[in-house]
């Protein structure tokens, strides 16, 4: 009843170029970076069951086949061919790719080619700052180069993204730090770090966020599994400055993210990663999100990293949840089919195309 032929994945990563054994595949499936507890498997999760439901037929196997058989087929086809088959079956027409994570992941052009889709880069602010620090010898040079680098990234990338709220919640303050604070923090950090050292100082993280706000590109803020309501002050302070904020993830606080999107005109929330995590229960999570946020403030994202299977699961579960929720409302007579189709298209692609200035 609800047709969403084209999706814009407004936040994802590349896929791994390397062949994977069972242990490595499970580590990426669980999203923990480590193995499951002894005697357990990450295939015994909602995400794992969804992978076994949707992905085997794309590689020529029956749904719900055993994991060992699926991975054997994956190796038989090879990582490149498996990735192509999986990505091209998602119905994703545009990928917005965060290139700021380590690992042997496909680049933006490689992701586009594998999926036969368009792709654009999202620049991760903290990695950019760390790279600037590696090549700046003094505090003055670092601060000048940092501002130049952020504005340069805003000119070339479709969006900027930040994990500041995850690294130090105090960094997302309702006012920018003062010049003296910034210089002092920069001096301490540069003096104490080694090449490649991570940026965790709350003052510098806050300074970085406010530079990004001034740059004018949409700013994606990672909420992770935390409560986004502490971002309320920052959202209020940045209202009217011309930069949209997009809250990433947030489950199990998806209602709070949706609430912020309803309160502030420039705040948006993603849907998709929470649906993939909840699998068969995704329709209930989507319905709860739609209770709070205006429909023009929600954007699909898979949030996928490493496994092309996660792109498949993100897209398929999103479509299935839309059908169950919106289609159910149509069948009950609460919505017209035309309105349901229009809202589905907005969340699937239209809102992202508007926010990020994408063609289409």
Protein backbone atom coordinates (compact mmCIF):
# COMPACT_ATOMS: atom_id res chain seq x y z
CA UNK A 1 0.00 0.00 0.00
CA UNK A 2 2.85 2.42 0.86
CA UNK A 3 5.48 2.71 -1.87
CA UNK A 4 8.96 4.12 -1.13
CA UNK A 5 11.03 3.23 -4.19
CA UNK A 6 13.87 5.64 -3.44
CA UNK A 7 15.65 6.34 -0.16
CA UNK A 8 18.23 8.92 0.84
CA UNK A 9 20.45 7.40 3.54
CA UNK A 10 21.30 10.61 5.36
CA UNK A 11 23.92 9.04 7.63
CA UNK A 12 26.04 5.96 7.05
CA UNK A 13 29.62 4.75 6.63
CA UNK A 14 31.41 2.77 3.97
CA UNK A 15 31.49 -1.03 3.87
CA UNK A 16 34.44 -3.28 4.55
CA UNK A 17 36.61 -4.28 1.62
CA UNK A 18 37.94 -7.41 3.35
CA UNK A 19 36.61 -10.95 3.65
CA UNK A 20 35.13 -11.69 7.06
CA UNK A 21 35.15 -14.75 9.26
CA UNK A 22 32.35 -15.54 11.67
CA UNK A 23 33.96 -13.74 14.61
CA UNK A 24 34.70 -10.54 12.70
CA UNK A 25 31.27 -10.54 11.09
CA UNK A 26 29.62 -10.94 14.50
CA UNK A 27 31.67 -8.10 15.99
CA UNK A 28 30.37 -5.76 13.30
CA UNK A 29 26.87 -7.18 13.55
CA UNK A 30 26.76 -6.46 17.28
CA UNK A 31 28.19 -2.97 16.85
CA UNK A 32 30.24 -3.40 20.02
CA UNK A 33 33.66 -3.82 18.47
CA UNK A 34 34.11 -7.07 20.39
CA UNK A 35 32.85 -10.65 20.44
CA UNK A 36 29.59 -11.81 22.02
CA UNK A 37 29.57 -13.33 25.49
CA UNK A 38 30.74 -16.96 25.63
CA UNK A 39 28.00 -19.33 24.57
CA UNK A 40 26.01 -16.58 22.81
CA UNK A 41 25.87 -15.03 19.36
CA UNK A 42 24.98 -11.62 17.99
CA UNK A 43 22.87 -13.42 15.41
CA UNK A 44 20.44 -13.96 18.30
CA UNK A 45 19.37 -10.32 18.27
CA UNK A 46 16.68 -8.43 16.40
CA UNK A 47 19.33 -7.19 13.97
CA UNK A 48 20.74 -10.68 13.53
CA UNK A 49 17.33 -12.16 12.80
CA UNK A 50 16.63 -9.35 10.32
CA UNK A 51 19.91 -10.07 8.49
CA UNK A 52 18.95 -13.74 8.21
CA UNK A 53 15.49 -12.81 6.94
CA UNK A 54 16.37 -10.23 4.29
CA UNK A 55 19.92 -10.92 3.10
CA UNK A 56 20.19 -14.63 2.14
CA UNK A 57 17.73 -14.35 -0.80
CA UNK A 58 19.88 -11.56 -2.24
CA UNK A 59 22.79 -14.03 -2.39
CA UNK A 60 20.72 -16.93 -3.72
CA UNK A 61 19.78 -18.63 -0.44
CA UNK A 62 16.52 -19.21 1.40
CA UNK A 63 15.44 -16.75 4.11
CA UNK A 64 16.50 -17.57 7.68
CA UNK A 65 19.25 -19.95 6.58
CA UNK A 66 21.90 -20.78 9.22
CA UNK A 67 24.61 -18.12 9.70
CA UNK A 68 27.43 -20.49 8.77
CA UNK A 69 25.77 -21.29 5.43
CA UNK A 70 25.15 -17.61 4.74
CA UNK A 71 28.75 -16.64 5.43
CA UNK A 72 30.02 -19.54 3.30
CA UNK A 73 27.94 -18.23 0.39
CA UNK A 74 29.24 -14.73 1.05
CA UNK A 75 32.83 -15.98 0.79
CA UNK A 76 32.00 -17.99 -2.32
CA UNK A 77 30.76 -14.87 -4.12
CA UNK A 78 33.57 -12.71 -2.75
CA UNK A 79 33.36 -9.52 -0.75
CA UNK A 80 33.00 -7.23 -3.76
CA UNK A 81 30.23 -9.16 -5.49
CA UNK A 82 28.36 -9.77 -2.23
CA UNK A 83 28.57 -6.09 -1.40
CA UNK A 84 27.27 -5.08 -4.81
CA UNK A 85 24.32 -7.47 -4.67
CA UNK A 86 23.37 -6.35 -1.18
CA UNK A 87 23.74 -2.61 -1.66
CA UNK A 88 21.96 -2.57 -5.02
CA UNK A 89 18.96 -4.30 -3.46
CA UNK A 90 18.41 -1.62 -0.81
CA UNK A 91 16.60 0.90 -2.99
CA UNK A 92 18.90 3.60 -1.60
CA UNK A 93 19.51 6.19 -4.32
CA UNK A 94 21.80 8.50 -2.33
CA UNK A 95 24.29 7.83 0.46
CA UNK A 96 25.63 10.52 2.78
CA UNK A 97 28.85 8.96 4.04
CA UNK A 98 30.72 9.85 7.24
CA UNK A 99 34.36 9.27 6.31
CA UNK A 100 35.70 9.89 9.80
CA UNK A 101 36.04 6.32 11.09
CA UNK A 102 39.09 4.06 10.90
CA UNK A 103 39.12 0.73 9.12
CA UNK A 104 39.29 -0.64 5.61
CA UNK A 105 36.02 0.96 4.54
CA UNK A 106 34.95 1.96 1.05
CA UNK A 107 35.40 5.59 0.11
CA UNK A 108 32.54 7.83 -0.98
CA UNK A 109 33.08 7.09 -4.72
CA UNK A 110 33.50 3.36 -4.02
CA UNK A 111 30.27 3.27 -1.99
CA UNK A 112 28.45 5.03 -4.80
CA UNK A 113 29.79 2.59 -7.41
CA UNK A 114 29.01 -0.50 -5.33
CA UNK A 115 25.44 0.65 -4.73
CA UNK A 116 24.88 2.19 -8.19
CA UNK A 117 23.82 5.35 -6.36
CA UNK A 118 24.87 8.90 -5.68
CA UNK A 119 27.05 9.53 -2.64
CA UNK A 120 28.28 12.62 -0.80
CA UNK A 121 30.76 13.14 2.01
CA UNK A 122 30.00 14.05 5.60
CA UNK A 123 33.07 15.46 7.39
CA UNK A 124 33.64 14.47 11.01
CA UNK A 125 34.72 17.55 12.95
CA UNK A 126 36.81 15.88 15.65
CA UNK A 127 38.94 13.97 13.15
CA UNK A 128 39.41 17.17 11.16
CA UNK A 129 40.60 18.99 14.30
CA UNK A 130 43.00 16.16 15.15
CA UNK A 131 44.46 16.27 11.64
CA UNK A 132 44.89 20.05 11.90
CA UNK A 133 46.66 19.62 15.24
CA UNK A 134 49.07 17.13 13.69
CA UNK A 135 50.29 19.80 11.25
CA UNK A 136 50.08 22.96 13.41
CA UNK A 137 53.06 23.81 15.56
CA UNK A 138 51.64 26.63 17.68
CA UNK A 139 48.38 27.56 19.36
CA UNK A 140 47.83 30.49 17.01
CA UNK A 141 48.47 28.34 13.95
CA UNK A 142 46.20 25.60 15.24
CA UNK A 143 43.25 27.91 15.93
CA UNK A 144 43.60 29.73 12.61
CA UNK A 145 44.02 26.52 10.64
CA UNK A 146 41.09 24.91 12.47
CA UNK A 147 38.67 27.67 11.49
CA UNK A 148 39.91 27.57 7.91
CA UNK A 149 39.62 23.78 7.75
CA UNK A 150 36.05 23.71 9.07
CA UNK A 151 34.89 26.38 6.65
CA UNK A 152 36.71 24.62 3.82
CA UNK A 153 34.98 21.34 4.70
CA UNK A 154 31.64 23.13 4.74
CA UNK A 155 32.31 24.29 1.19
CA UNK A 156 32.97 20.77 -0.10
CA UNK A 157 30.94 18.39 2.07
CA UNK A 158 27.18 18.01 2.23
CA UNK A 159 27.19 18.11 6.05
CA UNK A 160 29.40 18.23 9.12
CA UNK A 161 29.07 15.75 11.97
CA UNK A 162 30.22 15.75 15.58
CA UNK A 163 30.61 13.25 18.40
CA UNK A 164 31.29 16.03 20.92
CA UNK A 165 28.19 15.18 22.96
CA UNK A 166 29.44 11.60 23.28
CA UNK A 167 33.00 12.54 24.25
CA UNK A 168 32.05 15.22 26.79
CA UNK A 169 28.48 16.37 27.40
CA UNK A 170 29.72 19.71 28.79
CA UNK A 171 30.99 20.60 25.30
CA UNK A 172 27.45 21.15 24.01
CA UNK A 173 26.96 24.36 25.99
CA UNK A 174 24.42 27.08 25.21
CA UNK A 175 27.16 29.64 24.58
CA UNK A 176 30.56 29.51 22.88
CA UNK A 177 33.65 29.43 25.11
CA UNK A 178 35.58 32.68 25.42
CA UNK A 179 38.79 33.36 23.48
CA UNK A 180 40.94 33.05 26.61
CA UNK A 181 39.39 29.70 27.48
CA UNK A 182 39.95 28.44 23.97
CA UNK A 183 43.59 29.50 23.83
CA UNK A 184 44.30 27.97 27.22
CA UNK A 185 42.60 24.70 26.31
CA UNK A 186 44.39 24.56 22.95
CA UNK A 187 47.77 25.11 24.61
CA UNK A 188 47.19 22.37 27.17
CA UNK A 189 45.93 19.92 24.58
CA UNK A 190 48.72 20.55 22.08
CA UNK A 191 51.38 20.30 24.78
CA UNK A 192 50.07 17.00 26.12
CA UNK A 193 49.05 15.11 23.00
CA UNK A 194 50.93 12.81 20.70
CA UNK A 195 50.40 12.68 16.95
CA UNK A 196 46.95 11.21 16.31
CA UNK A 197 45.75 11.92 19.86
CA UNK A 198 41.97 12.26 20.23
CA UNK A 199 40.26 15.54 21.02
CA UNK A 200 38.36 15.20 24.29
CA UNK A 201 38.76 18.65 25.86
CA UNK A 202 35.24 20.07 26.43
CA UNK A 203 36.28 23.66 25.71
CA UNK A 204 37.85 22.80 22.36
CA UNK A 205 34.95 20.52 21.46
CA UNK A 206 32.53 23.35 22.20
CA UNK A 207 34.65 25.79 20.20
CA UNK A 208 34.62 23.34 17.29
CA UNK A 209 30.83 23.07 17.38
CA UNK A 210 30.37 26.82 17.29
CA UNK A 211 32.78 27.16 14.35
CA UNK A 212 30.64 24.57 12.57
CA UNK A 213 27.46 26.49 13.36
CA UNK A 214 29.02 29.60 11.84
CA UNK A 215 29.99 27.64 8.72
CA UNK A 216 26.32 27.19 7.84
CA UNK A 217 26.24 23.56 6.70
CA UNK A 218 23.80 21.14 8.39
CA UNK A 219 25.42 19.89 11.59
CA UNK A 220 24.74 16.30 12.61
CA UNK A 221 25.10 15.68 16.34
CA UNK A 222 25.60 12.13 17.58
CA UNK A 223 23.39 11.38 20.55
CA UNK A 224 24.22 7.68 20.72
CA UNK A 225 22.14 5.83 23.31
CA UNK A 226 21.93 8.90 25.54
CA UNK A 227 19.12 11.33 26.27
CA UNK A 228 19.16 14.26 23.80
CA UNK A 229 17.28 16.64 26.12
CA UNK A 230 20.56 18.07 27.54
CA UNK A 231 21.03 19.54 24.04
CA UNK A 232 18.03 21.82 24.59
CA UNK A 233 20.14 24.83 25.60
CA UNK A 234 22.43 24.47 22.58
CA UNK A 235 19.42 24.08 20.29
CA UNK A 236 17.82 27.22 21.73
CA UNK A 237 21.06 29.20 21.41
CA UNK A 238 21.56 28.24 17.76
CA UNK A 239 18.00 28.95 16.65
CA UNK A 240 17.83 31.58 13.93
CA UNK A 241 21.53 31.34 13.03
CA UNK A 242 20.89 29.56 9.74
CA UNK A 243 22.38 26.16 10.57
CA UNK A 244 20.18 23.09 10.84
CA UNK A 245 20.92 20.53 13.57
CA UNK A 246 20.23 16.86 12.88
CA UNK A 247 20.12 14.54 15.90
CA UNK A 248 21.57 11.13 15.10
CA UNK A 249 20.32 7.96 16.78
CA UNK A 250 19.02 8.55 20.32
CA UNK A 251 17.23 5.23 20.87
CA UNK A 252 15.82 4.42 23.43
CA UNK A 253 15.21 8.18 23.85
CA UNK A 254 13.70 8.55 20.38
CA UNK A 255 10.66 10.36 21.77
CA UNK A 256 12.93 13.01 23.29
CA UNK A 257 14.73 13.53 19.99
CA UNK A 258 11.38 13.83 18.24
CA UNK A 259 10.25 16.32 20.88
CA UNK A 260 13.26 18.59 20.24
CA UNK A 261 12.51 18.41 16.52
CA UNK A 262 8.97 19.55 17.28
CA UNK A 263 10.09 22.50 19.46
CA UNK A 264 12.89 24.02 17.36
CA UNK A 265 12.42 24.84 13.66
CA UNK A 266 16.05 24.07 12.85
CA UNK A 267 16.26 20.71 14.66
CA UNK A 268 15.66 17.40 12.88
CA UNK A 269 15.83 13.76 13.98
CA UNK A 270 16.79 10.60 12.15
CA UNK A 271 14.79 7.40 11.99
CA UNK A 272 16.20 4.09 10.85
CA UNK A 273 19.02 3.01 13.18
CA UNK A 274 16.54 2.55 16.02
CA UNK A 275 14.26 0.57 13.71
CA UNK A 276 17.09 -1.74 12.65
CA UNK A 277 17.96 -2.39 16.30
CA UNK A 278 14.38 -3.22 17.22
CA UNK A 279 13.69 -5.38 14.16
CA UNK A 280 10.27 -7.00 14.45
CA UNK A 281 9.28 -4.32 16.97
CA UNK A 282 10.24 -1.43 14.69
CA UNK A 283 6.70 -0.38 13.86
CA UNK A 284 6.02 0.49 17.49
CA UNK A 285 9.17 2.65 17.67
CA UNK A 286 8.27 4.45 14.44
CA UNK A 287 4.73 5.09 15.66
CA UNK A 288 6.09 6.59 18.90
CA UNK A 289 8.40 8.89 16.93
CA UNK A 290 5.53 10.02 14.72
CA UNK A 291 3.53 10.91 17.84
CA UNK A 292 5.89 13.80 18.60
CA UNK A 293 7.78 15.11 15.56
CA UNK A 294 6.27 16.97 12.62
CA UNK A 295 6.58 14.68 9.63
CA UNK A 296 8.79 17.16 7.79
CA UNK A 297 11.40 16.94 10.55
CA UNK A 298 12.25 13.21 10.29
CA UNK A 299 14.91 11.75 7.99
CA UNK A 300 15.72 8.15 7.15
CA UNK A 301 19.21 6.89 7.96
CA UNK A 302 20.62 3.40 8.16
CA UNK A 303 23.56 4.42 10.37
CA UNK A 304 25.33 1.42 8.84
CA UNK A 305 29.02 0.75 9.16
CA UNK A 306 31.13 -2.04 7.77
CA UNK A 307 28.53 -4.62 6.75
CA UNK A 308 26.45 -4.04 3.61
CA UNK A 309 23.90 -6.28 5.33
CA UNK A 310 23.18 -3.42 7.72
CA UNK A 311 22.27 -1.16 4.81
CA UNK A 312 19.85 -3.83 3.63
CA UNK A 313 18.33 -4.31 7.07
CA UNK A 314 18.04 -0.57 7.67
CA UNK A 315 16.21 -0.01 4.38
CA UNK A 316 13.97 -3.08 4.52
CA UNK A 317 12.88 -2.63 8.13
CA UNK A 318 12.22 1.07 7.55
CA UNK A 319 9.96 0.28 4.61
CA UNK A 320 8.22 -2.51 6.50
CA UNK A 321 7.61 -0.27 9.52
CA UNK A 322 6.21 2.49 7.30
CA UNK A 323 3.84 0.01 5.71
CA UNK A 324 2.65 -1.33 9.05
CA UNK A 325 2.16 2.06 10.66
CA UNK A 326 1.02 4.31 7.83
CA UNK A 327 -0.71 1.52 5.95
CA UNK A 328 -2.51 0.56 9.13
CA UNK A 329 -3.77 4.09 9.58
CA UNK A 330 -4.99 4.11 5.99
CA UNK A 331 -6.83 0.82 6.47
CA UNK A 332 -8.41 2.19 9.65
CA UNK A 333 -9.59 5.27 7.78
CA UNK A 334 -7.51 7.67 9.90
CA UNK A 335 -5.36 8.74 6.93
CA UNK A 336 -5.92 8.90 3.22
CA UNK A 337 -3.62 6.81 1.09
CA UNK A 338 -2.41 9.95 -0.71
CA UNK A 339 -1.37 11.57 2.57
CA UNK A 340 0.33 8.39 3.76
CA UNK A 341 2.26 8.13 0.51
CA UNK A 342 3.27 11.78 0.70
CA UNK A 343 4.54 11.48 4.29
CA UNK A 344 6.41 8.28 3.47
CA UNK A 345 8.17 10.04 0.61
CA UNK A 346 9.09 12.96 2.85
CA UNK A 347 10.74 10.79 5.51
CA UNK A 348 12.32 8.42 3.00
CA UNK A 349 13.99 11.06 0.84
CA UNK A 350 12.26 14.41 0.47
CA UNK A 351 13.19 15.88 3.84
CA UNK A 352 16.85 14.93 3.41
CA UNK A 353 16.96 16.42 -0.09
CA UNK A 354 15.60 19.69 1.30
CA UNK A 355 17.85 19.87 4.39
CA UNK A 356 21.08 18.96 2.56
CA UNK A 357 20.30 20.73 -0.72
CA UNK A 358 20.41 17.55 -2.78
CA UNK A 359 19.16 17.36 -6.33
CA UNK A 360 16.20 15.17 -7.15
